[in-house]
Amino acid sequence: MRLLVDESLPVAFAAELRGHDVTTVRAQDWLGLRNGVLLRAAVDAGIEVFITADKALRHQQNLADIGIAVVLITRVRNRMSDLRPLVPHVLAAISRIERGRLLIVEG
């Protein structure tokens, strides 16, 4: 599955998502794009799942219209030592998420 890790998460988090084709907002040179523009660019690039810690995203975008799945990581600091224990939960969410839906993984 093609995944995109948002700039709200450490770049190193992408390496933890083994078994998937993972890129980052930074690697795609999409830093600073507004969420709607970013998600549409991701879909155009063949991204299936967007992984973010941006809690506002779920209230700002119509994911079904855009056609991308989102995994939202909440209640955890933005440090690898805090995020690493959540990797199995994120991978489980990725395995069951559907396009146009949002799943929350809480720390």
Protein backbone atom coordinates (compact mmCIF):
# COMPACT_ATOMS: atom_id res chain seq x y z
CA MET A 1 0.00 0.00 0.00
CA ARG A 2 1.24 3.55 -0.73
CA LEU A 3 1.46 5.70 2.39
CA LEU A 4 2.25 9.36 2.98
CA VAL A 5 3.56 10.55 6.37
CA ASP A 6 2.61 14.14 7.18
CA GLU A 7 5.03 16.86 8.23
CA SER A 8 3.32 16.79 11.66
CA LEU A 9 5.20 13.53 12.32
CA PRO A 10 8.96 12.88 12.36
CA VAL A 11 10.42 11.79 9.02
CA ALA A 12 11.94 8.77 10.80
CA PHE A 13 8.42 7.47 11.48
CA ALA A 14 8.13 6.50 7.80
CA ALA A 15 10.90 3.89 8.21
CA GLU A 16 8.86 2.16 10.92
CA LEU A 17 6.01 1.34 8.53
CA ARG A 18 7.63 -1.73 7.01
CA GLY A 19 5.89 -3.69 4.30
CA HIS A 20 4.50 -0.61 2.58
CA ASP A 21 5.64 1.91 -0.01
CA VAL A 22 6.09 4.93 2.27
CA THR A 23 7.02 8.50 1.48
CA THR A 24 6.87 11.74 3.42
CA VAL A 25 5.52 15.20 2.74
CA ARG A 26 9.11 16.43 2.93
CA ALA A 27 10.38 13.86 0.39
CA GLN A 28 7.61 14.85 -2.01
CA ASP A 29 8.52 18.55 -1.58
CA TRP A 30 4.98 19.29 -0.40
CA LEU A 31 5.91 21.11 2.82
CA GLY A 32 3.53 23.92 3.66
CA LEU A 33 0.70 22.83 1.35
CA ARG A 34 -2.76 23.32 2.81
CA ASN A 35 -4.50 20.09 3.75
CA GLY A 36 -6.95 20.01 0.84
CA VAL A 37 -4.26 20.69 -1.75
CA LEU A 38 -1.93 18.20 -0.06
CA LEU A 39 -4.49 15.40 0.02
CA ARG A 40 -5.45 15.93 -3.62
CA ALA A 41 -1.77 15.92 -4.64
CA ALA A 42 -1.35 12.69 -2.69
CA VAL A 43 -4.28 11.03 -4.46
CA ASP A 44 -2.92 12.19 -7.83
CA ALA A 45 0.42 10.58 -6.88
CA GLY A 46 -1.26 7.25 -6.08
CA ILE A 47 -1.13 7.58 -2.29
CA GLU A 48 -3.79 5.48 -0.59
CA VAL A 49 -3.32 6.36 3.10
CA PHE A 50 -2.25 9.63 4.73
CA ILE A 51 -0.81 9.38 8.25
CA THR A 52 -0.96 12.52 10.36
CA ALA A 53 -1.11 13.99 13.85
CA ASP A 54 -3.12 17.01 12.63
CA LYS A 55 -6.36 16.78 14.62
CA ALA A 56 -7.99 19.61 12.65
CA LEU A 57 -7.86 17.63 9.42
CA ARG A 58 -10.92 15.52 10.24
CA HIS A 59 -13.07 18.64 10.54
CA GLN A 60 -11.66 20.45 7.49
CA GLN A 61 -11.79 17.93 4.67
CA ASN A 62 -14.34 15.64 3.04
CA LEU A 63 -12.20 12.52 2.75
CA ALA A 64 -14.83 10.60 0.79
CA ASP A 65 -14.85 13.29 -1.91
CA ILE A 66 -11.05 13.42 -2.01
CA GLY A 67 -10.75 9.63 -2.07
CA ILE A 68 -8.01 9.04 0.49
CA ALA A 69 -7.89 7.18 3.79
CA VAL A 70 -6.42 8.90 6.85
CA VAL A 71 -4.86 7.46 10.00
CA LEU A 72 -4.84 10.12 12.72
CA ILE A 73 -2.40 9.65 15.60
CA THR A 74 -3.51 11.45 18.77
CA ARG A 75 -2.67 11.81 22.45
CA VAL A 76 1.03 11.27 22.05
CA ARG A 77 4.06 13.53 21.78
CA ASN A 78 5.71 13.95 18.43
CA ARG A 79 8.87 12.03 19.40
CA MET A 80 9.97 8.70 18.02
CA SER A 81 10.29 7.22 21.51
CA ASP A 82 6.57 7.95 22.04
CA LEU A 83 5.44 7.04 18.51
CA ARG A 84 7.33 3.75 18.11
CA PRO A 85 5.02 1.77 20.47
CA LEU A 86 2.07 2.84 18.31
CA VAL A 87 3.50 1.39 15.08
CA PRO A 88 1.67 -1.97 15.42
CA HIS A 89 -1.62 -0.08 15.96
CA VAL A 90 -0.97 2.16 12.96
CA LEU A 91 -0.17 -0.87 10.80
CA ALA A 92 -3.36 -2.57 11.98
CA ALA A 93 -5.38 0.55 11.12
CA ILE A 94 -3.78 0.67 7.66
CA SER A 95 -4.72 -2.96 7.05
CA ARG A 96 -8.42 -2.36 7.67
CA ILE A 97 -9.01 1.25 6.61
CA GLU A 98 -11.12 2.07 3.58
CA ARG A 99 -10.68 4.91 1.11
CA GLY A 100 -12.51 8.03 2.26
CA ARG A 101 -12.44 7.04 5.94
CA LEU A 102 -10.49 8.19 8.99
CA LEU A 103 -9.26 5.93 11.78
CA ILE A 104 -7.81 7.23 15.02
CA VAL A 105 -4.85 5.64 16.80
CA GLU A 106 -4.49 6.97 20.33
CA GLY A 107 -1.34 6.97 22.39
